[in-house]
Amino acid sequence: MPHLLHIDSSVQGENSVSRRLTARAAAAWCAAYPDGTVTYRDLGKEPLPHIVPSTVHSGAVPAADRTPEQAASWALSEQVVAEVQAADTVLLGLPVYNFGAPSSVKTWVDHLIAVGLSVDPETHEGLLGGRDFVVVAARGGGYAPGTPREGWDHAEQWLPHGVAMTGLTPRFITAELTLAKVNPAMAELIPLAEKSLSAAEQSIDALWPASALA
């Protein structure tokens, strides 16, 4: 039975563009796979605890010797990896905060990279490959080639490298200039923002066309 892991990370609530777009994508997936199941994780509302000095080597410590803090941290890593293992499709909402990914997404990746769970301890090969990893990104500014801040989006640049050890390979759908309607200094960019959002919505609608899978 097809299974979707849907992850949001925005802290903007109902004002979040990435949340609206991932909801659209999840609805498209459910329409294409009416018998499928969905697991939902909200990193924005319930962020995972950061890896800290006392938990960084939790996986390398024998289970019987782990401190309660290490045991809890490793159990979270096991849960995070298991959610991906159970999924055929992983859908991640990725807003850009201060030119990078939310810290909650970085922490999710830190828990996801776990030797023995997502990385083979002998070959160091990723164990989570073969899944469709769709990342719906939303960025308030414009960082495309030829723009004054080209290359300033470090979220989309980082994520493929961040998850590479696990075998996951993300594909991106991005809406940019999402702050144009709320930032008066960007008002002249509203048409471009609307065009970018429309293109993202069209790309989402084409991900899993229900008619092609019926």
N, C-alpha and C. Protein backbone atom coordinates (compact mmCIF):
# COMPACT_ATOMS: atom_id res chain seq x y z
N MET A 1 0.85 -1.19 0.00
CA MET A 1 0.00 0.00 0.00
C MET A 1 0.89 1.25 0.00
N PRO A 2 0.65 2.19 -0.91
CA PRO A 2 1.47 3.40 -0.96
C PRO A 2 1.38 4.19 0.34
N HIS A 3 2.50 4.79 0.71
CA HIS A 3 2.53 5.55 1.96
C HIS A 3 3.28 6.86 1.75
N LEU A 4 2.68 7.95 2.25
CA LEU A 4 3.26 9.29 2.14
C LEU A 4 3.69 9.77 3.52
N LEU A 5 4.91 10.29 3.61
CA LEU A 5 5.36 11.02 4.79
C LEU A 5 5.33 12.50 4.45
N HIS A 6 4.45 13.23 5.12
CA HIS A 6 4.23 14.66 4.87
C HIS A 6 4.83 15.43 6.04
N ILE A 7 5.79 16.31 5.76
CA ILE A 7 6.48 17.07 6.80
C ILE A 7 6.36 18.56 6.51
N ASP A 8 5.90 19.32 7.50
CA ASP A 8 5.91 20.77 7.43
C ASP A 8 6.93 21.31 8.42
N SER A 9 7.45 22.51 8.13
CA SER A 9 8.44 23.09 9.04
C SER A 9 8.24 24.59 9.27
N SER A 10 7.32 25.20 8.58
CA SER A 10 7.11 26.64 8.73
C SER A 10 6.53 26.96 10.11
N VAL A 11 6.92 28.13 10.64
CA VAL A 11 6.36 28.61 11.90
C VAL A 11 5.34 29.72 11.65
N GLN A 12 4.93 29.90 10.39
CA GLN A 12 4.03 31.00 10.03
C GLN A 12 2.55 30.64 10.09
N GLY A 13 2.22 29.42 10.47
CA GLY A 13 0.82 29.04 10.59
C GLY A 13 0.05 29.19 9.29
N GLU A 14 -1.15 29.78 9.39
CA GLU A 14 -2.01 29.91 8.21
C GLU A 14 -1.44 30.89 7.19
N ASN A 15 -0.45 31.67 7.56
CA ASN A 15 0.19 32.60 6.62
C ASN A 15 1.31 31.95 5.82
N SER A 16 1.57 30.70 6.09
CA SER A 16 2.69 30.01 5.45
C SER A 16 2.37 29.59 4.02
N VAL A 17 3.21 29.99 3.10
CA VAL A 17 3.06 29.57 1.71
C VAL A 17 3.48 28.11 1.57
N SER A 18 4.55 27.72 2.23
CA SER A 18 5.02 26.33 2.10
C SER A 18 3.97 25.36 2.63
N ARG A 19 3.28 25.72 3.72
CA ARG A 19 2.23 24.84 4.24
C ARG A 19 1.06 24.71 3.26
N ARG A 20 0.69 25.82 2.65
CA ARG A 20 -0.41 25.75 1.67
C ARG A 20 -0.02 24.88 0.49
N LEU A 21 1.23 24.99 0.08
CA LEU A 21 1.67 24.20 -1.08
C LEU A 21 1.84 22.73 -0.74
N THR A 22 2.34 22.41 0.44
CA THR A 22 2.45 20.99 0.79
C THR A 22 1.07 20.37 0.98
N ALA A 23 0.12 21.17 1.50
CA ALA A 23 -1.25 20.65 1.62
C ALA A 23 -1.82 20.34 0.25
N ARG A 24 -1.53 21.19 -0.71
CA ARG A 24 -1.98 20.96 -2.09
C ARG A 24 -1.33 19.69 -2.64
N ALA A 25 -0.04 19.53 -2.38
CA ALA A 25 0.67 18.35 -2.88
C ALA A 25 0.15 17.08 -2.21
N ALA A 26 -0.08 17.14 -0.90
CA ALA A 26 -0.60 15.96 -0.19
C ALA A 26 -1.98 15.58 -0.72
N ALA A 27 -2.80 16.58 -1.01
CA ALA A 27 -4.13 16.30 -1.57
C ALA A 27 -4.02 15.66 -2.94
N ALA A 28 -3.06 16.12 -3.75
CA ALA A 28 -2.86 15.53 -5.07
C ALA A 28 -2.39 14.09 -4.94
N TRP A 29 -1.50 13.84 -3.98
CA TRP A 29 -1.02 12.46 -3.77
C TRP A 29 -2.17 11.55 -3.33
N CYS A 30 -2.99 12.03 -2.40
CA CYS A 30 -4.11 11.22 -1.91
C CYS A 30 -5.13 10.95 -3.02
N ALA A 31 -5.30 11.91 -3.93
CA ALA A 31 -6.22 11.69 -5.05
C ALA A 31 -5.66 10.64 -6.00
N ALA A 32 -4.34 10.63 -6.16
CA ALA A 32 -3.71 9.66 -7.06
C ALA A 32 -3.65 8.28 -6.42
N TYR A 33 -3.55 8.24 -5.10
CA TYR A 33 -3.46 6.97 -4.38
C TYR A 33 -4.55 6.92 -3.31
N PRO A 34 -5.79 6.72 -3.71
CA PRO A 34 -6.91 6.76 -2.75
C PRO A 34 -6.82 5.69 -1.67
N ASP A 35 -6.06 4.63 -1.92
CA ASP A 35 -5.90 3.58 -0.92
C ASP A 35 -4.63 3.77 -0.09
N GLY A 36 -3.92 4.87 -0.34
CA GLY A 36 -2.68 5.10 0.36
C GLY A 36 -2.88 5.60 1.78
N THR A 37 -1.80 5.63 2.54
CA THR A 37 -1.83 6.10 3.92
C THR A 37 -0.83 7.25 4.09
N VAL A 38 -1.04 8.07 5.10
CA VAL A 38 -0.22 9.26 5.30
C VAL A 38 0.24 9.36 6.75
N THR A 39 1.53 9.66 6.93
CA THR A 39 2.07 10.04 8.23
C THR A 39 2.43 11.51 8.16
N TYR A 40 2.06 12.27 9.19
CA TYR A 40 2.31 13.71 9.20
C TYR A 40 3.21 14.08 10.37
N ARG A 41 4.25 14.87 10.07
CA ARG A 41 5.12 15.40 11.12
C ARG A 41 5.21 16.91 10.93
N ASP A 42 5.02 17.64 12.03
CA ASP A 42 5.05 19.10 11.99
C ASP A 42 6.26 19.59 12.78
N LEU A 43 7.35 19.85 12.07
CA LEU A 43 8.57 20.32 12.71
C LEU A 43 8.46 21.76 13.18
N GLY A 44 7.53 22.51 12.61
CA GLY A 44 7.34 23.89 13.03
C GLY A 44 6.69 23.98 14.40
N LYS A 45 5.67 23.14 14.62
CA LYS A 45 4.96 23.16 15.90
C LYS A 45 5.62 22.26 16.94
N GLU A 46 6.23 21.17 16.49
CA GLU A 46 6.85 20.23 17.42
C GLU A 46 8.26 19.90 16.93
N PRO A 47 9.20 20.84 17.08
CA PRO A 47 10.57 20.59 16.62
C PRO A 47 11.25 19.51 17.44
N LEU A 48 12.13 18.77 16.78
CA LEU A 48 12.91 17.76 17.47
C LEU A 48 14.01 18.45 18.29
N PRO A 49 14.43 17.84 19.39
CA PRO A 49 15.53 18.43 20.16
C PRO A 49 16.84 18.34 19.39
N HIS A 50 17.64 19.37 19.52
CA HIS A 50 18.94 19.39 18.86
C HIS A 50 19.85 18.29 19.40
N ILE A 51 20.76 17.83 18.55
CA ILE A 51 21.83 16.96 19.01
C ILE A 51 22.80 17.83 19.82
N VAL A 52 23.12 17.38 21.03
CA VAL A 52 23.99 18.14 21.92
C VAL A 52 25.16 17.25 22.34
N PRO A 53 26.18 17.83 23.02
CA PRO A 53 27.35 17.04 23.39
C PRO A 53 27.04 15.73 24.11
N SER A 54 26.01 15.76 24.94
CA SER A 54 25.69 14.55 25.71
C SER A 54 24.96 13.48 24.90
N THR A 55 24.48 13.83 23.67
CA THR A 55 23.75 12.86 22.87
C THR A 55 24.38 12.58 21.51
N VAL A 56 25.45 13.29 21.18
CA VAL A 56 25.98 13.22 19.82
C VAL A 56 26.47 11.82 19.46
N HIS A 57 26.92 11.04 20.43
CA HIS A 57 27.43 9.70 20.14
C HIS A 57 26.49 8.60 20.64
N SER A 58 25.21 8.92 20.76
CA SER A 58 24.24 7.97 21.32
C SER A 58 24.23 6.64 20.59
N GLY A 59 24.31 6.69 19.26
CA GLY A 59 24.24 5.46 18.48
C GLY A 59 25.45 4.57 18.63
N ALA A 60 26.57 5.16 19.01
CA ALA A 60 27.81 4.38 19.16
C ALA A 60 27.93 3.75 20.54
N VAL A 61 27.07 4.14 21.46
CA VAL A 61 27.10 3.59 22.81
C VAL A 61 26.21 2.36 22.86
N PRO A 62 26.69 1.24 23.41
CA PRO A 62 25.83 0.06 23.54
C PRO A 62 24.53 0.41 24.27
N ALA A 63 23.44 -0.17 23.81
CA ALA A 63 22.12 0.19 24.35
C ALA A 63 22.07 0.10 25.87
N ALA A 64 22.71 -0.92 26.42
CA ALA A 64 22.66 -1.11 27.87
C ALA A 64 23.43 -0.04 28.63
N ASP A 65 24.34 0.65 27.94
CA ASP A 65 25.19 1.64 28.61
C ASP A 65 24.75 3.07 28.36
N ARG A 66 23.69 3.27 27.59
CA ARG A 66 23.25 4.62 27.29
C ARG A 66 22.62 5.28 28.50
N THR A 67 22.87 6.58 28.62
CA THR A 67 22.18 7.35 29.64
C THR A 67 20.73 7.53 29.20
N PRO A 68 19.85 7.90 30.11
CA PRO A 68 18.46 8.15 29.69
C PRO A 68 18.37 9.18 28.57
N GLU A 69 19.22 10.21 28.62
CA GLU A 69 19.21 11.23 27.57
C GLU A 69 19.66 10.65 26.24
N GLN A 70 20.69 9.80 26.27
CA GLN A 70 21.16 9.16 25.04
C GLN A 70 20.12 8.21 24.48
N ALA A 71 19.47 7.46 25.36
CA ALA A 71 18.44 6.51 24.92
C ALA A 71 17.28 7.24 24.26
N ALA A 72 16.89 8.37 24.85
CA ALA A 72 15.77 9.14 24.29
C ALA A 72 16.15 9.73 22.93
N SER A 73 17.39 10.23 22.81
CA SER A 73 17.83 10.81 21.55
C SER A 73 17.90 9.75 20.46
N TRP A 74 18.43 8.58 20.78
CA TRP A 74 18.53 7.51 19.79
C TRP A 74 17.15 7.00 19.39
N ALA A 75 16.24 6.95 20.35
CA ALA A 75 14.87 6.51 20.04
C ALA A 75 14.21 7.47 19.05
N LEU A 76 14.50 8.77 19.18
CA LEU A 76 13.97 9.74 18.22
C LEU A 76 14.56 9.51 16.84
N SER A 77 15.85 9.25 16.79
CA SER A 77 16.48 8.96 15.49
C SER A 77 15.85 7.72 14.86
N GLU A 78 15.62 6.71 15.67
CA GLU A 78 14.97 5.49 15.15
C GLU A 78 13.59 5.80 14.60
N GLN A 79 12.85 6.67 15.29
CA GLN A 79 11.50 7.03 14.84
C GLN A 79 11.55 7.81 13.54
N VAL A 80 12.47 8.78 13.48
CA VAL A 80 12.60 9.61 12.27
C VAL A 80 12.97 8.75 11.07
N VAL A 81 13.93 7.87 11.24
CA VAL A 81 14.35 6.99 10.14
C VAL A 81 13.23 6.04 9.76
N ALA A 82 12.54 5.48 10.76
CA ALA A 82 11.45 4.53 10.48
C ALA A 82 10.34 5.19 9.67
N GLU A 83 10.06 6.46 9.94
CA GLU A 83 9.02 7.16 9.17
C GLU A 83 9.40 7.26 7.70
N VAL A 84 10.66 7.51 7.43
CA VAL A 84 11.12 7.57 6.04
C VAL A 84 11.13 6.18 5.42
N GLN A 85 11.59 5.20 6.18
CA GLN A 85 11.63 3.83 5.67
C GLN A 85 10.24 3.34 5.26
N ALA A 86 9.24 3.76 5.99
CA ALA A 86 7.87 3.30 5.72
C ALA A 86 7.24 3.99 4.53
N ALA A 87 7.86 5.07 4.05
CA ALA A 87 7.25 5.90 3.01
C ALA A 87 7.77 5.56 1.62
N ASP A 88 6.86 5.60 0.66
CA ASP A 88 7.24 5.56 -0.76
C ASP A 88 7.58 6.96 -1.24
N THR A 89 6.87 7.94 -0.66
CA THR A 89 7.07 9.35 -1.01
C THR A 89 7.25 10.16 0.26
N VAL A 90 8.27 11.02 0.26
CA VAL A 90 8.50 11.95 1.35
C VAL A 90 8.26 13.36 0.81
N LEU A 91 7.39 14.10 1.46
CA LEU A 91 7.03 15.46 1.06
C LEU A 91 7.45 16.42 2.16
N LEU A 92 8.35 17.33 1.85
CA LEU A 92 8.87 18.26 2.85
C LEU A 92 8.60 19.70 2.45
N GLY A 93 8.00 20.47 3.34
CA GLY A 93 7.85 21.90 3.14
C GLY A 93 9.08 22.61 3.68
N LEU A 94 9.74 23.40 2.83
CA LEU A 94 11.01 24.02 3.19
C LEU A 94 10.97 25.53 2.97
N PRO A 95 10.59 26.31 3.98
CA PRO A 95 10.71 27.76 3.86
C PRO A 95 12.16 28.20 4.02
N VAL A 96 12.46 29.39 3.58
CA VAL A 96 13.80 29.95 3.73
C VAL A 96 13.76 31.01 4.81
N TYR A 97 14.52 30.81 5.87
CA TYR A 97 14.61 31.76 6.96
C TYR A 97 16.03 32.31 7.04
N ASN A 98 16.15 33.62 6.89
CA ASN A 98 17.47 34.25 6.96
C ASN A 98 18.47 33.56 6.02
N PHE A 99 17.98 33.27 4.81
CA PHE A 99 18.77 32.71 3.71
C PHE A 99 19.13 31.24 3.91
N GLY A 100 18.55 30.57 4.89
CA GLY A 100 18.86 29.16 5.12
C GLY A 100 17.62 28.38 5.51
N ALA A 101 17.82 27.09 5.75
CA ALA A 101 16.72 26.23 6.18
C ALA A 101 16.38 26.50 7.64
N PRO A 102 15.14 26.30 8.05
CA PRO A 102 14.80 26.39 9.47
C PRO A 102 15.66 25.42 10.27
N SER A 103 16.01 25.82 11.48
CA SER A 103 16.85 24.94 12.31
C SER A 103 16.15 23.61 12.58
N SER A 104 14.82 23.61 12.56
CA SER A 104 14.09 22.36 12.80
C SER A 104 14.34 21.34 11.69
N VAL A 105 14.53 21.82 10.46
CA VAL A 105 14.83 20.91 9.36
C VAL A 105 16.25 20.38 9.50
N LYS A 106 17.18 21.25 9.88
CA LYS A 106 18.56 20.80 10.12
C LYS A 106 18.59 19.73 11.20
N THR A 107 17.83 19.92 12.28
CA THR A 107 17.80 18.93 13.35
C THR A 107 17.17 17.62 12.89
N TRP A 108 16.13 17.72 12.05
CA TRP A 108 15.53 16.50 11.48
C TRP A 108 16.58 15.73 10.68
N VAL A 109 17.37 16.43 9.88
CA VAL A 109 18.43 15.78 9.11
C VAL A 109 19.46 15.18 10.04
N ASP A 110 19.82 15.88 11.10
CA ASP A 110 20.80 15.35 12.04
C ASP A 110 20.33 14.05 12.67
N HIS A 111 19.04 13.96 12.98
CA HIS A 111 18.49 12.71 13.52
C HIS A 111 18.38 11.64 12.44
N LEU A 112 18.16 12.08 11.20
CA LEU A 112 17.99 11.14 10.10
C LEU A 112 19.30 10.45 9.74
N ILE A 113 20.42 11.15 9.91
CA ILE A 113 21.72 10.55 9.60
C ILE A 113 22.17 9.75 10.81
N ALA A 114 21.89 8.46 10.77
CA ALA A 114 22.18 7.58 11.90
C ALA A 114 22.84 6.31 11.39
N VAL A 115 24.11 6.13 11.70
CA VAL A 115 24.84 4.95 11.24
C VAL A 115 24.20 3.70 11.83
N GLY A 116 23.91 2.75 10.95
CA GLY A 116 23.24 1.53 11.36
C GLY A 116 21.76 1.57 11.10
N LEU A 117 21.21 2.76 10.91
CA LEU A 117 19.79 2.92 10.59
C LEU A 117 19.59 3.42 9.17
N SER A 118 20.21 4.54 8.85
CA SER A 118 20.08 5.13 7.51
C SER A 118 21.37 5.08 6.71
N VAL A 119 22.46 4.70 7.38
CA VAL A 119 23.76 4.60 6.74
C VAL A 119 24.38 3.26 7.11
N ASP A 120 24.81 2.50 6.09
CA ASP A 120 25.44 1.21 6.35
C ASP A 120 26.75 1.41 7.11
N PRO A 121 26.92 0.75 8.26
CA PRO A 121 28.12 1.00 9.06
C PRO A 121 29.41 0.49 8.43
N GLU A 122 29.32 -0.43 7.48
CA GLU A 122 30.52 -0.99 6.85
C GLU A 122 30.83 -0.33 5.52
N THR A 123 29.81 -0.20 4.66
CA THR A 123 30.04 0.37 3.33
C THR A 123 29.83 1.88 3.30
N HIS A 124 29.16 2.41 4.32
CA HIS A 124 28.81 3.84 4.41
C HIS A 124 27.84 4.26 3.32
N GLU A 125 27.18 3.29 2.71
CA GLU A 125 26.17 3.60 1.70
C GLU A 125 24.86 3.99 2.38
N GLY A 126 24.12 4.90 1.73
CA GLY A 126 22.82 5.29 2.25
C GLY A 126 21.81 4.18 2.12
N LEU A 127 20.95 4.05 3.11
CA LEU A 127 19.98 2.96 3.14
C LEU A 127 18.55 3.43 2.85
N LEU A 128 18.39 4.71 2.51
CA LEU A 128 17.04 5.24 2.31
C LEU A 128 16.76 5.62 0.86
N GLY A 129 17.61 5.21 -0.05
CA GLY A 129 17.41 5.53 -1.46
C GLY A 129 16.20 4.82 -2.04
N GLY A 130 15.83 5.23 -3.24
CA GLY A 130 14.71 4.60 -3.92
C GLY A 130 13.35 5.20 -3.59
N ARG A 131 13.34 6.25 -2.77
CA ARG A 131 12.09 6.92 -2.43
C ARG A 131 11.98 8.23 -3.19
N ASP A 132 10.77 8.64 -3.45
CA ASP A 132 10.53 9.93 -4.08
C ASP A 132 10.54 10.99 -2.99
N PHE A 133 11.49 11.90 -3.05
CA PHE A 133 11.65 12.94 -2.03
C PHE A 133 11.34 14.29 -2.67
N VAL A 134 10.13 14.78 -2.44
CA VAL A 134 9.67 16.02 -3.03
C VAL A 134 9.77 17.14 -2.01
N VAL A 135 10.49 18.18 -2.35
CA VAL A 135 10.67 19.31 -1.45
C VAL A 135 9.96 20.53 -2.05
N VAL A 136 8.99 21.05 -1.32
CA VAL A 136 8.26 22.24 -1.74
C VAL A 136 8.85 23.42 -0.98
N ALA A 137 9.58 24.25 -1.68
CA ALA A 137 10.30 25.35 -1.04
C ALA A 137 9.57 26.67 -1.28
N ALA A 138 9.66 27.55 -0.30
CA ALA A 138 9.08 28.89 -0.42
C ALA A 138 10.10 29.88 0.13
N ARG A 139 10.39 30.89 -0.66
CA ARG A 139 11.37 31.89 -0.22
C ARG A 139 10.83 33.29 -0.46
N GLY A 140 11.02 34.13 0.54
CA GLY A 140 10.42 35.46 0.49
C GLY A 140 11.03 36.36 -0.55
N GLY A 141 12.31 36.17 -0.85
CA GLY A 141 12.98 36.99 -1.85
C GLY A 141 13.17 36.25 -3.15
N GLY A 142 13.99 36.84 -4.01
CA GLY A 142 14.31 36.22 -5.29
C GLY A 142 15.81 36.00 -5.40
N TYR A 143 16.20 34.74 -5.57
CA TYR A 143 17.62 34.40 -5.59
C TYR A 143 18.00 33.63 -6.86
N ALA A 144 17.20 33.78 -7.89
CA ALA A 144 17.42 33.05 -9.14
C ALA A 144 18.63 33.62 -9.88
N PRO A 145 19.16 32.88 -10.85
CA PRO A 145 20.28 33.38 -11.64
C PRO A 145 19.97 34.74 -12.26
N GLY A 146 20.92 35.67 -12.14
CA GLY A 146 20.76 36.99 -12.71
C GLY A 146 20.18 38.02 -11.77
N THR A 147 19.70 37.58 -10.59
CA THR A 147 19.16 38.52 -9.62
C THR A 147 20.29 39.04 -8.73
N PRO A 148 20.07 40.19 -8.08
CA PRO A 148 21.14 40.76 -7.24
C PRO A 148 21.61 39.82 -6.13
N ARG A 149 20.72 38.96 -5.64
CA ARG A 149 21.09 38.05 -4.56
C ARG A 149 21.14 36.60 -5.03
N GLU A 150 21.57 36.41 -6.25
CA GLU A 150 21.74 35.05 -6.77
C GLU A 150 22.64 34.24 -5.83
N GLY A 151 22.18 33.04 -5.50
CA GLY A 151 22.98 32.15 -4.67
C GLY A 151 22.80 32.35 -3.18
N TRP A 152 21.94 33.29 -2.77
CA TRP A 152 21.75 33.53 -1.34
C TRP A 152 20.81 32.52 -0.69
N ASP A 153 20.11 31.73 -1.47
CA ASP A 153 19.23 30.69 -0.91
C ASP A 153 20.09 29.49 -0.54
N HIS A 154 20.48 29.41 0.72
CA HIS A 154 21.34 28.32 1.15
C HIS A 154 20.55 27.10 1.63
N ALA A 155 19.23 27.21 1.68
CA ALA A 155 18.41 26.06 2.06
C ALA A 155 18.38 25.03 0.94
N GLU A 156 18.04 25.48 -0.28
CA GLU A 156 17.97 24.56 -1.41
C GLU A 156 19.36 24.06 -1.81
N GLN A 157 20.38 24.88 -1.61
CA GLN A 157 21.74 24.43 -1.92
C GLN A 157 22.21 23.36 -0.94
N TRP A 158 21.82 23.53 0.33
CA TRP A 158 22.32 22.63 1.38
C TRP A 158 21.66 21.27 1.42
N LEU A 159 20.33 21.23 1.27
CA LEU A 159 19.60 19.99 1.56
C LEU A 159 20.09 18.77 0.80
N PRO A 160 20.35 18.84 -0.52
CA PRO A 160 20.84 17.63 -1.21
C PRO A 160 22.12 17.07 -0.59
N HIS A 161 23.01 17.97 -0.14
CA HIS A 161 24.24 17.53 0.50
C HIS A 161 23.94 17.01 1.90
N GLY A 162 22.99 17.67 2.59
CA GLY A 162 22.67 17.29 3.95
C GLY A 162 22.15 15.87 4.07
N VAL A 163 21.34 15.43 3.09
CA VAL A 163 20.75 14.09 3.16
C VAL A 163 21.48 13.08 2.29
N ALA A 164 22.57 13.49 1.64
CA ALA A 164 23.25 12.61 0.68
C ALA A 164 23.69 11.29 1.30
N MET A 165 24.15 11.33 2.55
CA MET A 165 24.64 10.11 3.20
C MET A 165 23.56 9.06 3.36
N THR A 166 22.29 9.48 3.35
CA THR A 166 21.19 8.54 3.56
C THR A 166 20.73 7.88 2.26
N GLY A 167 21.14 8.42 1.13
CA GLY A 167 20.68 7.92 -0.16
C GLY A 167 19.49 8.65 -0.71
N LEU A 168 18.92 9.58 0.04
CA LEU A 168 17.79 10.37 -0.45
C LEU A 168 18.28 11.44 -1.44
N THR A 169 17.49 11.67 -2.48
CA THR A 169 17.81 12.70 -3.46
C THR A 169 16.58 13.58 -3.66
N PRO A 170 16.60 14.81 -3.15
CA PRO A 170 15.41 15.66 -3.25
C PRO A 170 15.22 16.25 -4.64
N ARG A 171 13.98 16.45 -5.01
CA ARG A 171 13.64 17.25 -6.19
C ARG A 171 12.78 18.41 -5.69
N PHE A 172 13.04 19.60 -6.23
CA PHE A 172 12.48 20.82 -5.67
C PHE A 172 11.39 21.43 -6.56
N ILE A 173 10.36 21.95 -5.89
CA ILE A 173 9.39 22.84 -6.50
C ILE A 173 9.42 24.10 -5.64
N THR A 174 9.70 25.24 -6.26
CA THR A 174 9.97 26.44 -5.48
C THR A 174 9.07 27.61 -5.89
N ALA A 175 8.50 28.26 -4.89
CA ALA A 175 7.79 29.52 -5.09
C ALA A 175 8.62 30.61 -4.42
N GLU A 176 8.91 31.67 -5.17
CA GLU A 176 9.74 32.72 -4.59
C GLU A 176 9.02 34.06 -4.60
N LEU A 177 9.65 35.03 -3.96
CA LEU A 177 9.10 36.39 -3.81
C LEU A 177 7.79 36.37 -3.02
N THR A 178 7.68 35.44 -2.08
CA THR A 178 6.43 35.27 -1.35
C THR A 178 6.13 36.44 -0.41
N LEU A 179 7.11 37.30 -0.16
CA LEU A 179 6.88 38.47 0.70
C LEU A 179 6.42 39.70 -0.07
N ALA A 180 6.29 39.57 -1.37
CA ALA A 180 5.98 40.75 -2.20
C ALA A 180 4.67 41.42 -1.79
N LYS A 181 3.67 40.63 -1.40
CA LYS A 181 2.36 41.20 -1.07
C LYS A 181 2.33 41.84 0.32
N VAL A 182 3.29 41.54 1.15
CA VAL A 182 3.27 42.07 2.51
C VAL A 182 4.40 43.06 2.78
N ASN A 183 5.33 43.15 1.86
CA ASN A 183 6.44 44.09 2.01
C ASN A 183 6.28 45.20 0.98
N PRO A 184 5.94 46.42 1.41
CA PRO A 184 5.72 47.52 0.46
C PRO A 184 6.90 47.76 -0.46
N ALA A 185 8.11 47.50 0.01
CA ALA A 185 9.29 47.72 -0.83
C ALA A 185 9.36 46.75 -1.99
N MET A 186 8.56 45.68 -1.93
CA MET A 186 8.58 44.66 -2.98
C MET A 186 7.32 44.69 -3.84
N ALA A 187 6.52 45.73 -3.67
CA ALA A 187 5.21 45.78 -4.34
C ALA A 187 5.31 45.59 -5.85
N GLU A 188 6.34 46.15 -6.47
CA GLU A 188 6.47 46.04 -7.93
C GLU A 188 6.77 44.60 -8.37
N LEU A 189 7.11 43.74 -7.41
CA LEU A 189 7.44 42.37 -7.73
C LEU A 189 6.24 41.42 -7.59
N ILE A 190 5.08 41.97 -7.23
CA ILE A 190 3.91 41.13 -7.03
C ILE A 190 3.56 40.30 -8.28
N PRO A 191 3.58 40.87 -9.48
CA PRO A 191 3.28 40.03 -10.67
C PRO A 191 4.25 38.85 -10.80
N LEU A 192 5.53 39.07 -10.53
CA LEU A 192 6.49 37.98 -10.60
C LEU A 192 6.23 36.95 -9.52
N ALA A 193 5.83 37.42 -8.33
CA ALA A 193 5.51 36.50 -7.25
C ALA A 193 4.31 35.63 -7.60
N GLU A 194 3.30 36.24 -8.19
CA GLU A 194 2.11 35.49 -8.57
C GLU A 194 2.43 34.48 -9.67
N LYS A 195 3.30 34.86 -10.59
CA LYS A 195 3.71 33.95 -11.65
C LYS A 195 4.48 32.76 -11.07
N SER A 196 5.37 33.03 -10.11
CA SER A 196 6.15 31.97 -9.49
C SER A 196 5.25 31.01 -8.71
N LEU A 197 4.29 31.57 -7.97
CA LEU A 197 3.37 30.73 -7.20
C LEU A 197 2.52 29.87 -8.12
N SER A 198 2.04 30.47 -9.20
CA SER A 198 1.23 29.71 -10.16
C SER A 198 2.02 28.57 -10.78
N ALA A 199 3.28 28.84 -11.11
CA ALA A 199 4.12 27.80 -11.69
C ALA A 199 4.35 26.67 -10.70
N ALA A 200 4.54 27.02 -9.42
CA ALA A 200 4.72 26.00 -8.40
C ALA A 200 3.47 25.15 -8.25
N GLU A 201 2.32 25.79 -8.26
CA GLU A 201 1.05 25.05 -8.14
C GLU A 201 0.86 24.11 -9.33
N GLN A 202 1.19 24.58 -10.53
CA GLN A 202 1.07 23.72 -11.71
C GLN A 202 2.02 22.53 -11.63
N SER A 203 3.23 22.77 -11.13
CA SER A 203 4.18 21.67 -10.98
C SER A 203 3.68 20.64 -9.96
N ILE A 204 3.09 21.13 -8.89
CA ILE A 204 2.54 20.23 -7.88
C ILE A 204 1.40 19.40 -8.47
N ASP A 205 0.53 20.05 -9.20
CA ASP A 205 -0.62 19.35 -9.78
C ASP A 205 -0.20 18.28 -10.78
N ALA A 206 1.00 18.43 -11.33
CA ALA A 206 1.48 17.46 -12.33
C ALA A 206 2.29 16.33 -11.70
N LEU A 207 2.50 16.37 -10.39
CA LEU A 207 3.34 15.36 -9.74
C LEU A 207 2.74 13.97 -9.83
N TRP A 208 1.46 13.86 -9.45
CA TRP A 208 0.80 12.56 -9.40
C TRP A 208 -0.58 12.69 -10.03
N PRO A 209 -0.65 12.82 -11.34
CA PRO A 209 -1.97 12.98 -11.98
C PRO A 209 -2.84 11.75 -11.75
N ALA A 210 -3.96 11.94 -11.08
CA ALA A 210 -4.82 10.83 -10.73
C ALA A 210 -5.32 10.06 -11.95
N SER A 211 -5.57 10.81 -13.04
CA SER A 211 -6.11 10.15 -14.23
C SER A 211 -5.11 9.17 -14.83
N ALA A 212 -3.82 9.46 -14.68
CA ALA A 212 -2.81 8.60 -15.25
C ALA A 212 -2.59 7.35 -14.43
N LEU A 213 -3.06 7.38 -13.19
CA LEU A 213 -2.82 6.24 -12.29
C LEU A 213 -4.08 5.42 -12.07
N ALA A 214 -5.18 5.87 -12.63
CA ALA A 214 -6.45 5.16 -12.40
C ALA A 214 -6.44 3.80 -13.09
